[in-house]
Amino acid sequence: MSTETSLREAAAGGGEGANLPRRHVPYGPLPRQKLDIYLPRDGKVKATIVYFYGGGWISGARWYYRLFGRAMAARGYAVVVPDYHLYPHVRFPAFNEDAALAFKWVHDQVTRWGGQPSRLFVMGHSAGAHIAAMLALDPGYLATHGLSRRAIKGVIGLAGPYTLDPLKWTGTRDVFAPAAAAPGSARPIKLVCADAPAMLLLHGTRDRIAGAHASEHLAAALVKAGSVARAIIYPGIGHFMIFLCFLPGLRWRAPALKDTEEFIAGLR
């Protein structure tokens, strides 16, 4: 049974995704272009979140995020976690292009699990937050698929390196080598605009990988340009802990989940 057929049957009366494929769902023709879907048990979807994981553009896999997907689904959100191509198999902007293709797939399918195209959010951690911001700020990625950045209701970024100049750092120079012809094309801070989707940028003061200044500076630049953005910096929270604060048992460390839910609920 094809993905298209089973999604259609689920929408036609299969209840809460009786025939809806949830794991290893292709969003493109290549082996790594697959995603996993996590849905609320009661079928009531507050919003759909496309989550891009981190890993420095060189590592990561969607199955690492099962606990996150299930935890957010239990709170009423549909969560889609796509894989994307990584260095050294690809270089910039291939991973952003994968992300745009995954977003297009979700946009086209979202009503089939009870979601709404008008309630689509992108979220990411670290390199994934960078990818989410790039989709929201560079209109070219979604325009390739006939969408504008207005298709993104909001962006939730966790510990993103938004101000990083990847051509100046040994660890990212090769990954982003194609950006040398247009250096600003790989830097969210250089792409701010007046009509960007609303952004919530979360960071911790103990982040030694992507400093909290990145979220503060991007939020300030967006607001100055005329967009809606807010940076929240949590004391004592490090680069990885800010993601773990979304999981049961660690939410007491910082109110990242609460702030995220308030952000999503506030965008109508």
Protein backbone atom coordinates (compact mmCIF):
# COMPACT_ATOMS: atom_id res chain seq x y z
CA MET A 1 0.00 0.00 0.00
CA SER A 2 1.40 3.39 -0.96
CA THR A 3 1.86 6.26 1.48
CA GLU A 4 -0.70 8.30 -0.50
CA THR A 5 -3.30 5.53 -0.37
CA SER A 6 -2.93 4.78 3.33
CA LEU A 7 -3.03 8.45 4.26
CA ARG A 8 -6.20 8.87 2.22
CA GLU A 9 -7.84 5.90 3.93
CA ALA A 10 -6.90 7.23 7.36
CA ALA A 11 -8.51 10.55 6.52
CA ALA A 12 -11.61 8.90 5.11
CA GLY A 13 -12.52 7.10 8.29
CA GLY A 14 -9.65 5.18 9.80
CA GLY A 15 -9.95 7.07 13.05
CA GLU A 16 -6.78 8.28 14.71
CA GLY A 17 -4.46 7.09 11.97
CA ALA A 18 -5.50 3.45 11.79
CA ASN A 19 -3.87 3.17 8.37
CA LEU A 20 -1.54 6.13 8.69
CA PRO A 21 2.13 5.22 8.25
CA ARG A 22 4.14 6.64 11.11
CA ARG A 23 7.73 5.47 10.65
CA HIS A 24 10.15 5.46 7.72
CA VAL A 25 7.75 7.54 5.62
CA PRO A 26 9.40 8.80 2.42
CA TYR A 27 9.17 12.53 1.73
CA GLY A 28 11.49 12.30 -1.28
CA PRO A 29 13.06 9.69 -3.56
CA LEU A 30 16.43 9.31 -1.82
CA PRO A 31 17.17 6.76 0.93
CA ARG A 32 17.78 9.39 3.63
CA GLN A 33 14.66 11.40 2.74
CA LYS A 34 12.42 9.72 5.28
CA LEU A 35 10.54 10.94 8.33
CA ASP A 36 8.72 9.73 11.43
CA ILE A 37 5.35 11.02 12.64
CA TYR A 38 4.04 11.19 16.23
CA LEU A 39 0.35 11.91 16.79
CA PRO A 40 -1.88 12.63 19.81
CA ARG A 41 -3.85 9.56 20.85
CA ASP A 42 -7.15 11.40 20.85
CA GLY A 43 -6.64 12.71 17.33
CA LYS A 44 -6.95 16.34 18.43
CA VAL A 45 -3.98 18.27 17.04
CA LYS A 46 -3.17 21.67 18.54
CA ALA A 47 -0.44 22.28 15.97
CA THR A 48 2.00 20.34 13.83
CA ILE A 49 5.72 20.73 14.55
CA VAL A 50 8.40 19.80 12.02
CA TYR A 51 11.46 19.13 14.16
CA PHE A 52 15.01 19.30 12.77
CA TYR A 53 17.62 17.67 15.00
CA GLY A 54 21.15 18.91 15.56
CA GLY A 55 24.50 17.24 15.08
CA GLY A 56 26.71 19.85 13.50
CA TRP A 57 25.47 18.99 9.97
CA ILE A 58 27.57 15.81 10.19
CA SER A 59 25.58 13.43 12.40
CA GLY A 60 22.10 12.62 13.65
CA ALA A 61 19.17 10.31 13.00
CA ARG A 62 15.43 10.73 13.43
CA TRP A 63 15.02 7.66 15.62
CA TYR A 64 17.00 9.33 18.43
CA TYR A 65 13.99 11.61 18.95
CA ARG A 66 11.27 9.08 19.67
CA LEU A 67 10.96 10.13 23.30
CA PHE A 68 10.64 13.78 22.29
CA GLY A 69 8.04 12.99 19.65
CA ARG A 70 5.97 10.89 22.02
CA ALA A 71 6.23 13.44 24.81
CA MET A 72 5.01 16.27 22.60
CA ALA A 73 2.28 14.13 21.05
CA ALA A 74 1.03 13.39 24.57
CA ARG A 75 0.53 17.15 24.97
CA GLY A 76 -1.56 17.43 21.81
CA TYR A 77 1.00 18.19 19.10
CA ALA A 78 1.67 16.28 15.92
CA VAL A 79 5.44 16.02 15.54
CA VAL A 80 7.27 15.16 12.33
CA VAL A 81 11.00 14.36 12.51
CA PRO A 82 12.73 14.12 9.12
CA ASP A 83 16.20 12.88 8.38
CA TYR A 84 18.28 15.01 6.05
CA HIS A 85 21.54 14.53 4.20
CA LEU A 86 24.76 15.15 6.12
CA TYR A 87 28.35 16.08 5.37
CA PRO A 88 30.53 14.62 3.82
CA HIS A 89 27.87 13.14 1.53
CA VAL A 90 26.55 16.62 0.82
CA ARG A 91 27.47 20.23 1.48
CA PHE A 92 25.47 23.40 2.02
CA PRO A 93 22.71 24.00 1.00
CA ALA A 94 21.64 20.37 0.43
CA PHE A 95 20.48 19.81 4.04
CA ASN A 96 18.34 22.96 3.86
CA GLU A 97 16.88 21.74 0.58
CA ASP A 98 15.97 18.43 2.24
CA ALA A 99 14.32 20.37 5.06
CA ALA A 100 12.26 22.40 2.59
CA LEU A 101 11.17 19.24 0.79
CA ALA A 102 10.15 17.65 4.11
CA PHE A 103 8.20 20.78 5.05
CA LYS A 104 6.42 20.72 1.69
CA TRP A 105 5.45 17.09 2.28
CA VAL A 106 4.06 17.93 5.71
CA HIS A 107 2.21 20.96 4.35
CA ASP A 108 0.51 18.77 1.76
CA GLN A 109 -0.35 15.93 4.16
CA VAL A 110 -1.13 17.72 7.43
CA THR A 111 -4.94 17.59 7.18
CA ARG A 112 -4.81 13.82 6.91
CA TRP A 113 -3.88 13.47 10.57
CA GLY A 114 -6.18 16.22 11.81
CA GLY A 115 -3.75 19.12 11.55
CA GLN A 116 -4.12 22.42 9.75
CA PRO A 117 -1.76 24.00 7.17
CA SER A 118 -2.22 27.28 9.04
CA ARG A 119 -0.78 25.72 12.22
CA LEU A 120 2.58 24.50 10.93
CA PHE A 121 5.65 25.26 13.06
CA VAL A 122 9.32 24.49 12.49
CA MET A 123 11.54 23.69 15.43
CA GLY A 124 15.14 22.64 15.79
CA HIS A 125 18.09 22.25 18.10
CA SER A 126 21.62 23.51 17.33
CA ALA A 127 22.30 22.84 13.63
CA GLY A 128 18.61 21.97 13.33
CA ALA A 129 17.68 25.39 14.73
CA HIS A 130 19.95 26.92 12.09
CA ILE A 131 18.12 24.93 9.40
CA ALA A 132 14.71 26.00 10.75
CA ALA A 133 15.79 29.64 10.75
CA MET A 134 17.12 29.35 7.21
CA LEU A 135 13.77 28.02 5.96
CA ALA A 136 12.02 30.94 7.62
CA LEU A 137 14.42 33.66 6.47
CA ASP A 138 15.58 32.63 2.98
CA PRO A 139 12.45 32.54 0.78
CA GLY A 140 14.18 30.56 -1.94
CA TYR A 141 14.00 27.20 -0.19
CA LEU A 142 10.22 27.05 0.09
CA ALA A 143 9.64 28.97 -3.15
CA THR A 144 11.14 25.99 -4.97
CA HIS A 145 8.07 24.07 -3.83
CA GLY A 146 5.52 26.78 -4.49
CA LEU A 147 5.34 27.97 -0.88
CA SER A 148 6.23 31.23 0.80
CA ARG A 149 7.73 31.54 4.26
CA ARG A 150 4.25 32.56 5.42
CA ALA A 151 3.47 28.84 5.32
CA ILE A 152 5.53 28.68 8.54
CA LYS A 153 3.37 29.86 11.42
CA GLY A 154 6.30 30.16 13.79
CA VAL A 155 9.85 29.06 14.57
CA ILE A 156 11.08 27.58 17.84
CA GLY A 157 14.86 27.56 17.94
CA LEU A 158 16.90 25.81 20.62
CA ALA A 159 20.55 26.84 21.01
CA GLY A 160 20.97 27.80 17.38
CA PRO A 161 24.26 29.20 15.96
CA TYR A 162 22.44 31.96 14.06
CA THR A 163 25.36 34.40 14.00
CA LEU A 164 28.04 31.84 13.10
CA ASP A 165 30.20 32.57 10.07
CA PRO A 166 30.76 28.93 9.04
CA LEU A 167 33.52 29.82 6.59
CA LYS A 168 35.75 31.01 9.43
CA TRP A 169 35.68 27.83 11.53
CA THR A 170 37.61 24.65 10.82
CA GLY A 171 34.71 22.42 11.83
CA THR A 172 32.26 23.99 9.40
CA ARG A 173 34.39 25.48 6.62
CA ASP A 174 34.20 22.41 4.37
CA VAL A 175 30.52 21.81 5.12
CA PHE A 176 29.64 25.32 3.94
CA ALA A 177 32.32 25.74 1.26
CA PRO A 178 29.75 26.44 -1.52
CA ALA A 179 28.61 29.52 0.44
CA ALA A 180 31.94 31.24 -0.24
CA ALA A 181 30.44 32.85 -3.34
CA ALA A 182 27.71 34.48 -1.21
CA PRO A 183 28.78 34.30 2.46
CA GLY A 184 25.62 35.85 3.87
CA SER A 185 23.50 33.10 2.33
CA ALA A 186 24.54 30.70 5.12
CA ARG A 187 23.97 33.07 8.06
CA PRO A 188 20.48 33.67 9.50
CA ILE A 189 21.65 36.93 11.09
CA LYS A 190 22.33 38.27 7.58
CA LEU A 191 18.87 37.33 6.30
CA VAL A 192 16.60 39.19 8.73
CA CYS A 193 13.56 40.83 7.20
CA ALA A 194 10.34 42.60 8.15
CA ASP A 195 7.99 39.74 7.26
CA ALA A 196 9.70 36.74 8.86
CA PRO A 197 7.57 34.20 10.73
CA ALA A 198 7.38 34.83 14.47
CA MET A 199 10.33 33.32 16.30
CA LEU A 200 10.94 32.07 19.82
CA LEU A 201 14.66 31.60 20.39
CA LEU A 202 15.60 29.66 23.52
CA HIS A 203 19.14 29.41 24.87
CA GLY A 204 21.07 28.73 28.07
CA THR A 205 23.75 30.78 29.77
CA ARG A 206 26.05 27.75 30.03
CA ASP A 207 26.05 27.01 26.31
CA ARG A 208 29.70 26.59 25.33
CA ILE A 209 28.99 25.45 21.77
CA ALA A 210 26.64 28.13 20.46
CA GLY A 211 26.64 31.04 22.87
CA ALA A 212 23.42 32.63 24.07
CA HIS A 213 24.39 35.83 22.26
CA ALA A 214 23.34 34.13 19.01
CA SER A 215 19.68 34.02 20.05
CA GLU A 216 19.82 37.48 21.61
CA HIS A 217 21.36 39.08 18.52
CA LEU A 218 19.03 37.37 16.03
CA ALA A 219 15.94 38.28 18.04
CA ALA A 220 17.09 41.89 18.35
CA ALA A 221 17.85 42.12 14.63
CA LEU A 222 14.45 40.68 13.70
CA VAL A 223 12.60 43.07 15.97
CA LYS A 224 14.57 46.00 14.59
CA ALA A 225 13.64 44.91 11.06
CA GLY A 226 9.95 44.79 12.00
CA SER A 227 9.39 41.08 12.67
CA VAL A 228 8.16 39.40 15.84
CA ALA A 229 10.86 37.62 17.82
CA ARG A 230 11.77 36.88 21.41
CA ALA A 231 14.88 35.40 22.96
CA ILE A 232 14.65 33.69 26.35
CA ILE A 233 17.91 32.83 28.09
CA TYR A 234 17.77 30.28 30.93
CA PRO A 235 20.38 30.50 33.70
CA GLY A 236 22.57 27.45 34.23
CA ILE A 237 21.37 25.61 31.10
CA GLY A 238 23.86 24.18 28.62
CA HIS A 239 23.76 23.35 24.93
CA PHE A 240 22.20 19.90 25.23
CA MET A 241 20.22 20.41 28.42
CA ILE A 242 17.94 22.93 26.72
CA PHE A 243 16.59 20.11 24.55
CA LEU A 244 16.39 17.66 27.43
CA CYS A 245 14.19 20.16 29.31
CA PHE A 246 11.35 19.11 27.02
CA LEU A 247 11.43 15.54 28.31
CA PRO A 248 9.63 14.16 31.37
CA GLY A 249 11.84 14.19 34.44
CA LEU A 250 13.97 17.15 33.35
CA ARG A 251 11.36 19.83 32.74
CA TRP A 252 12.09 21.33 36.15
CA ARG A 253 15.48 22.52 34.90
CA ALA A 254 13.97 25.31 32.76
CA PRO A 255 10.45 26.23 31.57
CA ALA A 256 11.33 25.70 27.90
CA LEU A 257 8.26 23.52 27.27
CA LYS A 258 5.94 26.00 28.99
CA ASP A 259 7.38 28.91 27.02
CA THR A 260 7.08 26.95 23.78
CA GLU A 261 3.45 26.01 24.41
CA GLU A 262 2.58 29.61 25.24
CA PHE A 263 4.28 30.77 22.05
CA ILE A 264 2.35 28.26 19.92
CA ALA A 265 -0.97 29.03 21.62
CA GLY A 266 -0.43 32.76 21.22
CA LEU A 267 -0.12 32.61 17.41
CA ARG A 268 -3.57 32.53 15.87
